[in-house]
Amino acid sequence: MKKFLEFKVDLDNFIENLENKVENNNAKIEKLLDIKEKNFANFVKPMELMEEDMEEFFTPLSHLNSVNNSEKTQEIYTNSLPIITEYSTKLLLNFHKILISIKLLKR
């Protein structure tokens, strides 16, 4: 059984770390999108793992901001929302494009 995650939040470097994580994930996504014959193992699972990793990174800040809000957590949370929103939107749009193309290929 997986242990609970420790809530470690580096508030001083959170935005920079988030931007790096988004940049790295976007590069991985581009490589995944180039795969000609996508399947669960080579496409869906890696996408899910990236999303899980992003959630594990962002959730501690979100939780901390909810239960122990300070000016610093609020500022960092507010500054991170546009970054995470843009990333999530791009991820969702790419995933929808793939699902549509897979459906079209099956017809």
N, C-alpha and C. Protein backbone atom coordinates (compact mmCIF):
# COMPACT_ATOMS: atom_id res chain seq x y z
N MET A 1 0.84 -1.18 0.00
CA MET A 1 0.00 0.00 0.00
C MET A 1 0.88 1.25 0.00
N LYS A 2 0.54 2.19 -0.84
CA LYS A 2 1.31 3.41 -0.95
C LYS A 2 1.12 4.26 0.30
N LYS A 3 2.23 4.78 0.80
CA LYS A 3 2.18 5.66 1.96
C LYS A 3 1.66 7.03 1.53
N PHE A 4 1.16 7.77 2.51
CA PHE A 4 0.75 9.13 2.23
C PHE A 4 1.96 9.97 1.83
N LEU A 5 1.74 10.91 0.94
CA LEU A 5 2.80 11.81 0.52
C LEU A 5 3.12 12.79 1.64
N GLU A 6 4.39 13.09 1.79
CA GLU A 6 4.78 14.16 2.69
C GLU A 6 4.52 15.48 2.00
N PHE A 7 3.96 16.41 2.74
CA PHE A 7 3.69 17.72 2.17
C PHE A 7 4.91 18.61 2.34
N LYS A 8 5.73 18.62 1.32
CA LYS A 8 6.90 19.50 1.29
C LYS A 8 6.66 20.51 0.17
N VAL A 9 6.61 21.76 0.55
CA VAL A 9 6.37 22.81 -0.43
C VAL A 9 7.49 23.83 -0.32
N ASP A 10 8.25 23.96 -1.39
CA ASP A 10 9.31 24.96 -1.46
C ASP A 10 8.69 26.24 -2.02
N LEU A 11 8.16 27.04 -1.14
CA LEU A 11 7.46 28.24 -1.57
C LEU A 11 8.36 29.22 -2.31
N ASP A 12 9.61 29.28 -1.92
CA ASP A 12 10.54 30.23 -2.55
C ASP A 12 10.83 29.90 -4.00
N ASN A 13 10.73 28.64 -4.37
CA ASN A 13 11.06 28.21 -5.74
C ASN A 13 9.89 27.55 -6.45
N PHE A 14 8.70 27.65 -5.88
CA PHE A 14 7.57 26.90 -6.42
C PHE A 14 7.25 27.27 -7.87
N ILE A 15 7.15 28.55 -8.16
CA ILE A 15 6.79 28.98 -9.52
C ILE A 15 7.85 28.53 -10.52
N GLU A 16 9.11 28.69 -10.19
CA GLU A 16 10.20 28.25 -11.08
C GLU A 16 10.14 26.73 -11.29
N ASN A 17 9.92 25.99 -10.21
CA ASN A 17 9.82 24.53 -10.32
C ASN A 17 8.60 24.11 -11.14
N LEU A 18 7.50 24.82 -10.96
CA LEU A 18 6.30 24.53 -11.74
C LEU A 18 6.55 24.80 -13.22
N GLU A 19 7.15 25.92 -13.53
CA GLU A 19 7.45 26.24 -14.93
C GLU A 19 8.38 25.20 -15.55
N ASN A 20 9.37 24.74 -14.79
CA ASN A 20 10.28 23.70 -15.29
C ASN A 20 9.53 22.39 -15.53
N LYS A 21 8.67 22.03 -14.60
CA LYS A 21 7.89 20.80 -14.75
C LYS A 21 6.98 20.87 -15.97
N VAL A 22 6.34 22.01 -16.17
CA VAL A 22 5.47 22.20 -17.33
C VAL A 22 6.29 22.11 -18.62
N GLU A 23 7.43 22.77 -18.65
CA GLU A 23 8.30 22.73 -19.84
C GLU A 23 8.74 21.30 -20.15
N ASN A 24 9.17 20.57 -19.13
CA ASN A 24 9.59 19.18 -19.33
C ASN A 24 8.44 18.31 -19.80
N ASN A 25 7.27 18.48 -19.18
CA ASN A 25 6.11 17.70 -19.59
C ASN A 25 5.69 18.02 -21.01
N ASN A 26 5.73 19.29 -21.38
CA ASN A 26 5.37 19.67 -22.75
C ASN A 26 6.30 19.01 -23.77
N ALA A 27 7.58 18.92 -23.44
CA ALA A 27 8.53 18.25 -24.34
C ALA A 27 8.20 16.76 -24.44
N LYS A 28 7.87 16.14 -23.32
CA LYS A 28 7.48 14.72 -23.34
C LYS A 28 6.20 14.52 -24.13
N ILE A 29 5.26 15.44 -23.98
CA ILE A 29 3.99 15.33 -24.71
C ILE A 29 4.23 15.40 -26.21
N GLU A 30 5.10 16.30 -26.64
CA GLU A 30 5.40 16.41 -28.07
C GLU A 30 5.96 15.09 -28.61
N LYS A 31 6.82 14.44 -27.83
CA LYS A 31 7.37 13.14 -28.25
C LYS A 31 6.26 12.08 -28.30
N LEU A 32 5.38 12.11 -27.32
CA LEU A 32 4.29 11.15 -27.30
C LEU A 32 3.34 11.37 -28.48
N LEU A 33 3.10 12.62 -28.82
CA LEU A 33 2.21 12.92 -29.95
C LEU A 33 2.79 12.44 -31.27
N ASP A 34 4.11 12.32 -31.36
CA ASP A 34 4.76 11.85 -32.58
C ASP A 34 4.67 10.34 -32.78
N ILE A 35 4.26 9.61 -31.75
CA ILE A 35 4.14 8.16 -31.88
C ILE A 35 3.04 7.86 -32.90
N LYS A 36 3.39 7.04 -33.88
CA LYS A 36 2.45 6.74 -34.97
C LYS A 36 1.32 5.82 -34.52
N GLU A 37 1.68 4.74 -33.86
CA GLU A 37 0.66 3.77 -33.42
C GLU A 37 0.54 3.84 -31.90
N LYS A 38 -0.34 4.72 -31.47
CA LYS A 38 -0.52 4.95 -30.04
C LYS A 38 -1.37 3.83 -29.43
N ASN A 39 -1.01 3.47 -28.21
CA ASN A 39 -1.81 2.52 -27.46
C ASN A 39 -1.74 2.89 -25.99
N PHE A 40 -2.33 2.06 -25.15
CA PHE A 40 -2.36 2.38 -23.73
C PHE A 40 -0.95 2.45 -23.15
N ALA A 41 -0.13 1.48 -23.47
CA ALA A 41 1.20 1.38 -22.86
C ALA A 41 2.14 2.50 -23.31
N ASN A 42 2.09 2.86 -24.60
CA ASN A 42 3.07 3.84 -25.09
C ASN A 42 2.55 5.28 -25.12
N PHE A 43 1.25 5.46 -24.87
CA PHE A 43 0.71 6.81 -24.92
C PHE A 43 -0.13 7.18 -23.69
N VAL A 44 -1.18 6.42 -23.45
CA VAL A 44 -2.10 6.77 -22.37
C VAL A 44 -1.42 6.70 -21.01
N LYS A 45 -0.72 5.60 -20.75
CA LYS A 45 -0.07 5.43 -19.44
C LYS A 45 0.97 6.52 -19.16
N PRO A 46 1.87 6.84 -20.10
CA PRO A 46 2.81 7.94 -19.84
C PRO A 46 2.10 9.28 -19.60
N MET A 47 1.00 9.53 -20.32
CA MET A 47 0.25 10.76 -20.09
C MET A 47 -0.34 10.77 -18.69
N GLU A 48 -0.89 9.65 -18.27
CA GLU A 48 -1.47 9.55 -16.93
C GLU A 48 -0.41 9.74 -15.85
N LEU A 49 0.76 9.16 -16.06
CA LEU A 49 1.84 9.30 -15.07
C LEU A 49 2.31 10.75 -14.96
N MET A 50 2.38 11.45 -16.08
CA MET A 50 2.76 12.87 -16.03
C MET A 50 1.72 13.68 -15.27
N GLU A 51 0.45 13.37 -15.52
CA GLU A 51 -0.62 14.09 -14.83
C GLU A 51 -0.60 13.79 -13.33
N GLU A 52 -0.36 12.54 -12.98
CA GLU A 52 -0.27 12.17 -11.57
C GLU A 52 0.90 12.90 -10.89
N ASP A 53 2.02 12.97 -11.58
CA ASP A 53 3.19 13.67 -11.05
C ASP A 53 2.88 15.16 -10.84
N MET A 54 2.19 15.76 -11.79
CA MET A 54 1.83 17.17 -11.67
C MET A 54 0.88 17.38 -10.49
N GLU A 55 -0.07 16.50 -10.34
CA GLU A 55 -1.00 16.60 -9.21
C GLU A 55 -0.27 16.46 -7.88
N GLU A 56 0.67 15.53 -7.80
CA GLU A 56 1.43 15.34 -6.56
C GLU A 56 2.30 16.56 -6.26
N PHE A 57 2.72 17.27 -7.29
CA PHE A 57 3.50 18.48 -7.10
C PHE A 57 2.62 19.65 -6.65
N PHE A 58 1.46 19.82 -7.28
CA PHE A 58 0.63 20.99 -7.06
C PHE A 58 -0.28 20.87 -5.84
N THR A 59 -0.75 19.68 -5.53
CA THR A 59 -1.71 19.49 -4.45
C THR A 59 -1.22 20.01 -3.10
N PRO A 60 0.03 19.80 -2.71
CA PRO A 60 0.45 20.34 -1.41
C PRO A 60 0.29 21.86 -1.31
N LEU A 61 0.60 22.58 -2.37
CA LEU A 61 0.40 24.03 -2.33
C LEU A 61 -1.08 24.36 -2.22
N SER A 62 -1.89 23.70 -3.00
CA SER A 62 -3.32 23.94 -2.96
C SER A 62 -3.88 23.66 -1.57
N HIS A 63 -3.46 22.55 -0.99
CA HIS A 63 -3.91 22.18 0.34
C HIS A 63 -3.42 23.19 1.38
N LEU A 64 -2.16 23.52 1.33
CA LEU A 64 -1.59 24.47 2.27
C LEU A 64 -2.30 25.82 2.18
N ASN A 65 -2.58 26.24 0.96
CA ASN A 65 -3.27 27.51 0.77
C ASN A 65 -4.70 27.46 1.32
N SER A 66 -5.30 26.28 1.30
CA SER A 66 -6.67 26.13 1.80
C SER A 66 -6.74 26.07 3.32
N VAL A 67 -5.82 25.37 3.94
CA VAL A 67 -5.92 25.12 5.38
C VAL A 67 -5.02 26.00 6.24
N ASN A 68 -3.99 26.58 5.63
CA ASN A 68 -3.06 27.41 6.40
C ASN A 68 -2.63 28.61 5.54
N ASN A 69 -3.63 29.30 5.07
CA ASN A 69 -3.42 30.39 4.13
C ASN A 69 -2.58 31.51 4.75
N SER A 70 -1.67 32.03 3.95
CA SER A 70 -0.89 33.21 4.33
C SER A 70 -0.78 34.08 3.08
N GLU A 71 -0.25 35.26 3.25
CA GLU A 71 -0.06 36.13 2.08
C GLU A 71 0.86 35.46 1.06
N LYS A 72 1.88 34.79 1.56
CA LYS A 72 2.85 34.15 0.66
C LYS A 72 2.21 32.98 -0.10
N THR A 73 1.48 32.11 0.60
CA THR A 73 0.84 30.98 -0.10
C THR A 73 -0.20 31.48 -1.09
N GLN A 74 -0.94 32.52 -0.70
CA GLN A 74 -1.95 33.07 -1.60
C GLN A 74 -1.31 33.65 -2.86
N GLU A 75 -0.22 34.37 -2.68
CA GLU A 75 0.48 34.97 -3.84
C GLU A 75 1.00 33.88 -4.77
N ILE A 76 1.64 32.87 -4.21
CA ILE A 76 2.20 31.81 -5.03
C ILE A 76 1.10 31.00 -5.71
N TYR A 77 0.06 30.70 -4.97
CA TYR A 77 -1.08 29.96 -5.53
C TYR A 77 -1.71 30.77 -6.68
N THR A 78 -1.93 32.05 -6.45
CA THR A 78 -2.52 32.91 -7.47
C THR A 78 -1.63 33.00 -8.71
N ASN A 79 -0.32 33.11 -8.51
CA ASN A 79 0.61 33.18 -9.64
C ASN A 79 0.75 31.85 -10.37
N SER A 80 0.48 30.76 -9.69
CA SER A 80 0.62 29.45 -10.33
C SER A 80 -0.62 29.06 -11.13
N LEU A 81 -1.77 29.63 -10.80
CA LEU A 81 -3.00 29.23 -11.49
C LEU A 81 -2.97 29.43 -13.00
N PRO A 82 -2.51 30.56 -13.52
CA PRO A 82 -2.45 30.68 -14.98
C PRO A 82 -1.51 29.66 -15.63
N ILE A 83 -0.43 29.32 -14.96
CA ILE A 83 0.53 28.34 -15.50
C ILE A 83 -0.12 26.96 -15.57
N ILE A 84 -0.72 26.55 -14.47
CA ILE A 84 -1.31 25.21 -14.41
C ILE A 84 -2.55 25.13 -15.30
N THR A 85 -3.29 26.22 -15.42
CA THR A 85 -4.48 26.24 -16.27
C THR A 85 -4.10 26.11 -17.74
N GLU A 86 -3.09 26.85 -18.17
CA GLU A 86 -2.64 26.76 -19.56
C GLU A 86 -2.12 25.36 -19.87
N TYR A 87 -1.33 24.81 -18.96
CA TYR A 87 -0.80 23.46 -19.15
C TYR A 87 -1.93 22.44 -19.25
N SER A 88 -2.87 22.49 -18.33
CA SER A 88 -3.97 21.52 -18.30
C SER A 88 -4.84 21.64 -19.54
N THR A 89 -5.08 22.87 -19.98
CA THR A 89 -5.89 23.07 -21.18
C THR A 89 -5.20 22.49 -22.40
N LYS A 90 -3.92 22.76 -22.55
CA LYS A 90 -3.16 22.22 -23.68
C LYS A 90 -3.14 20.69 -23.64
N LEU A 91 -2.95 20.14 -22.46
CA LEU A 91 -2.94 18.69 -22.30
C LEU A 91 -4.28 18.09 -22.71
N LEU A 92 -5.34 18.68 -22.26
CA LEU A 92 -6.68 18.18 -22.57
C LEU A 92 -6.97 18.29 -24.07
N LEU A 93 -6.60 19.41 -24.67
CA LEU A 93 -6.83 19.57 -26.11
C LEU A 93 -6.04 18.55 -26.92
N ASN A 94 -4.80 18.31 -26.57
CA ASN A 94 -4.00 17.31 -27.27
C ASN A 94 -4.60 15.92 -27.11
N PHE A 95 -5.04 15.61 -25.91
CA PHE A 95 -5.62 14.29 -25.66
C PHE A 95 -6.91 14.12 -26.46
N HIS A 96 -7.72 15.17 -26.55
CA HIS A 96 -8.96 15.10 -27.33
C HIS A 96 -8.65 14.92 -28.82
N LYS A 97 -7.64 15.61 -29.32
CA LYS A 97 -7.25 15.45 -30.72
C LYS A 97 -6.88 14.00 -31.01
N ILE A 98 -6.14 13.40 -30.11
CA ILE A 98 -5.73 12.01 -30.30
C ILE A 98 -6.93 11.09 -30.28
N LEU A 99 -7.81 11.28 -29.32
CA LEU A 99 -9.00 10.43 -29.24
C LEU A 99 -9.85 10.56 -30.50
N ILE A 100 -10.00 11.77 -31.01
CA ILE A 100 -10.76 11.98 -32.25
C ILE A 100 -10.08 11.28 -33.41
N SER A 101 -8.76 11.40 -33.53
CA SER A 101 -8.06 10.77 -34.64
C SER A 101 -8.16 9.25 -34.55
N ILE A 102 -8.13 8.69 -33.35
CA ILE A 102 -8.26 7.24 -33.17
C ILE A 102 -9.66 6.80 -33.61
N LYS A 103 -10.68 7.55 -33.23
CA LYS A 103 -12.05 7.21 -33.64
C LYS A 103 -12.20 7.28 -35.15
N LEU A 104 -11.59 8.28 -35.78
CA LEU A 104 -11.68 8.43 -37.23
C LEU A 104 -10.97 7.29 -37.94
N LEU A 105 -9.84 6.82 -37.39
CA LEU A 105 -9.10 5.73 -38.00
C LEU A 105 -9.89 4.41 -37.93
N LYS A 106 -10.68 4.25 -36.91
CA LYS A 106 -11.45 3.00 -36.76
C LYS A 106 -12.63 2.93 -37.69
N ARG A 107 -13.04 4.05 -38.28
CA ARG A 107 -14.22 4.06 -39.16
C ARG A 107 -13.94 3.49 -40.49
